[in-house]
Every structure is written in C-alpha cells, then in structure tokens.
Amino acid sequence: MSVNFWDIERVFRFKDAEAWEMKINEKICRFIIIDQRRPASQEDYPYLNEKIDSRENHITCHIVTTSTLDDTEKDELCSITGVFLSHLAQAQCSWNIKFYEKENVEKITTSLMSEFTSLQREELNFTYFSQD
C-alpha cells in the first residue's frame, strides 16, 4: 500500500482552504483542508467523550472518495495529513479529519467550498497561484 506522490494534484487553493487529489492503492481521494480561523469546539470532535483542550485555531481536513478505505489506507492518509500540516504551530492549532466514503466527490466539495467562498468551482480563476 502506498501513495505515489507523483499522483498528487492540487485542485484549488484559497487563503483559508485548499484541495488536492491523490491516489492510494488506485483509489482516488479528494483531500480538502479548511482553516476555520477559530478555536476548536467540542462539536469538532463528536467522537470524543472527554472535554477537549481548545487551542487558538482549528483546521478541518476532509477526505472524500467514491471508494471504501480500509484502516491501513486511512492511517496512511492521516500520516499524509500530518505532513501537510506540519508547518503549523501545534501548540496553538488543532486539527481533525473526517472521512467521506462512497460519496459524490464533487457534491461534497461544492458543499465544503460554500464555507469559504461564494464562487462555484467552474468560476475559479487559475491565472494566479491562489483562486481567491
């Protein structure tokens, strides 16, 4: 099992979000990172029973695929997420990952994009490094 880093392609980049497409074991995944620019809340971690230690900022990561991912693939994607976010000040920033399996990738992407832009995907301008 592996991710071929030559098979990673940026889909879009905004000030507070970016999306990448990557293959893991021939399964295509859309990886979307959104900087919430707010402290983490308990709602960000519905699977935790204990109270969270809220940090200054929270990042949400979304991995969307039409496939089903096994635990090893999810672990690899979590490790990759750590690499993408390793530049953050970990003492001030928390992050988590949500997996969307057997989902319509474009529909989920459009829904998540509405959190940080009013633009539709077909309206994005790729003349510049950032699309906002």
Protein backbone atom coordinates (compact mmCIF):
# COMPACT_ATOMS: atom_id res chain seq x y z
CA MET A 1 0.00 0.00 0.00
CA SER A 2 1.34 3.36 -0.92
CA VAL A 3 0.60 6.82 -2.13
CA ASN A 4 2.54 7.76 -5.23
CA PHE A 5 3.39 11.42 -4.69
CA TRP A 6 3.58 11.92 -8.46
CA ASP A 7 -0.18 11.23 -8.42
CA ILE A 8 -0.98 14.21 -6.19
CA GLU A 9 -2.50 17.22 -7.91
CA ARG A 10 -3.77 20.46 -6.43
CA VAL A 11 -7.45 21.08 -7.25
CA PHE A 12 -7.69 24.62 -5.83
CA ARG A 13 -6.13 26.93 -3.27
CA PHE A 14 -7.70 29.78 -1.30
CA LYS A 15 -6.43 31.81 1.63
CA ASP A 16 -8.20 29.52 4.08
CA ALA A 17 -8.63 26.30 2.11
CA GLU A 18 -7.07 24.06 -0.44
CA ALA A 19 -7.90 20.78 -2.10
CA TRP A 20 -5.74 18.03 -3.53
CA GLU A 21 -6.47 14.87 -5.44
CA MET A 22 -4.38 11.81 -4.71
CA LYS A 23 -4.40 8.08 -5.33
CA ILE A 24 -3.94 5.49 -2.65
CA ASN A 25 -3.96 1.90 -3.92
CA GLU A 26 -5.61 3.10 -7.14
CA LYS A 27 -8.43 4.74 -5.15
CA ILE A 28 -8.85 8.43 -5.95
CA CYS A 29 -9.36 10.66 -2.92
CA ARG A 30 -10.06 14.38 -2.68
CA PHE A 31 -8.23 15.89 0.29
CA ILE A 32 -9.70 19.24 1.42
CA ILE A 33 -8.10 21.36 4.16
CA ILE A 34 -10.09 24.24 5.68
CA ASP A 35 -8.62 26.72 8.17
CA GLN A 36 -11.54 27.54 10.45
CA ARG A 37 -9.79 30.59 11.95
CA ARG A 38 -11.48 29.95 15.28
CA PRO A 39 -10.79 27.89 18.38
CA ALA A 40 -11.75 24.23 18.30
CA SER A 41 -15.06 23.35 19.88
CA GLN A 42 -16.45 20.15 21.32
CA GLU A 43 -18.62 19.85 18.18
CA ASP A 44 -15.42 19.45 16.13
CA TYR A 45 -14.78 16.19 17.99
CA PRO A 46 -18.16 14.43 18.33
CA TYR A 47 -16.41 11.08 18.80
CA LEU A 48 -14.60 12.18 21.99
CA ASN A 49 -16.26 11.68 25.36
CA GLU A 50 -13.80 13.84 27.29
CA LYS A 51 -13.63 17.63 27.22
CA ILE A 52 -11.22 18.97 24.62
CA ASP A 53 -8.37 21.38 25.29
CA SER A 54 -9.33 24.17 22.89
CA ARG A 55 -6.47 25.81 21.04
CA GLU A 56 -6.37 29.20 19.34
CA ASN A 57 -7.13 27.85 15.85
CA HIS A 58 -8.71 24.77 14.31
CA ILE A 59 -8.18 23.11 10.92
CA THR A 60 -10.63 20.60 9.47
CA CYS A 61 -9.47 18.06 6.93
CA HIS A 62 -11.91 16.20 4.74
CA ILE A 63 -11.04 13.12 2.70
CA VAL A 64 -13.71 12.31 0.12
CA THR A 65 -13.79 9.24 -2.11
CA THR A 66 -16.24 7.16 -4.09
CA SER A 67 -14.46 4.08 -2.71
CA THR A 68 -14.23 2.41 0.67
CA LEU A 69 -10.96 2.86 2.55
CA ASP A 70 -9.54 0.20 4.84
CA ASP A 71 -7.90 1.06 8.17
CA THR A 72 -4.38 0.93 6.72
CA GLU A 73 -5.32 3.38 3.97
CA LYS A 74 -6.94 5.72 6.49
CA ASP A 75 -3.83 5.55 8.69
CA GLU A 76 -1.65 6.43 5.68
CA LEU A 77 -3.92 9.37 4.81
CA CYS A 78 -3.76 10.57 8.44
CA SER A 79 0.04 10.46 8.23
CA ILE A 80 -0.02 12.44 4.98
CA THR A 81 -2.31 14.98 6.64
CA GLY A 82 0.30 15.41 9.37
CA VAL A 83 2.90 16.18 6.69
CA PHE A 84 0.64 18.76 5.02
CA LEU A 85 0.03 20.45 8.38
CA SER A 86 3.49 20.05 9.95
CA HIS A 87 4.30 23.75 9.46
CA LEU A 88 1.55 24.82 11.88
CA ALA A 89 2.27 25.87 15.45
CA GLN A 90 0.96 22.70 17.06
CA ALA A 91 0.68 24.30 20.50
CA GLN A 92 -1.81 26.86 19.13
CA CYS A 93 -3.56 24.86 16.42
CA SER A 94 -5.60 21.67 16.50
CA TRP A 95 -6.90 19.64 13.56
CA ASN A 96 -9.03 16.65 12.81
CA ILE A 97 -10.03 14.54 9.82
CA LYS A 98 -13.42 13.49 8.52
CA PHE A 99 -13.70 10.67 6.00
CA TYR A 100 -16.49 10.59 3.41
CA GLU A 101 -16.58 7.17 1.77
CA LYS A 102 -18.75 6.06 -1.15
CA GLU A 103 -19.75 9.69 -1.69
CA ASN A 104 -20.17 12.03 -4.64
CA VAL A 105 -16.83 13.86 -4.57
CA GLU A 106 -17.98 16.97 -6.46
CA LYS A 107 -21.14 17.34 -4.37
CA ILE A 108 -19.19 17.19 -1.08
CA THR A 109 -16.51 19.53 -2.49
CA THR A 110 -19.17 22.09 -3.52
CA SER A 111 -20.80 21.88 -0.11
CA LEU A 112 -17.49 22.39 1.71
CA MET A 113 -16.47 25.21 -0.65
CA SER A 114 -19.57 27.15 0.39
CA GLU A 115 -17.93 27.53 3.83
CA PHE A 116 -15.19 29.81 2.46
CA THR A 117 -16.26 31.20 -0.94
CA SER A 118 -19.37 32.15 -2.88
CA LEU A 119 -17.67 31.06 -6.11
CA GLN A 120 -18.71 27.90 -7.90
CA ARG A 121 -15.97 25.52 -8.99
CA GLU A 122 -16.36 26.45 -12.68
CA GLU A 123 -15.87 30.13 -11.74
CA LEU A 124 -12.43 29.64 -10.22
CA ASN A 125 -9.62 31.62 -11.84
CA PHE A 126 -6.42 29.62 -12.28
CA THR A 127 -4.35 32.55 -13.61
CA TYR A 128 -2.85 33.07 -10.14
CA PHE A 129 -1.38 30.76 -7.51
CA SER A 130 -4.45 31.28 -5.29
CA GLN A 131 -8.01 31.18 -6.59
CA ASP A 132 -9.37 33.91 -4.28
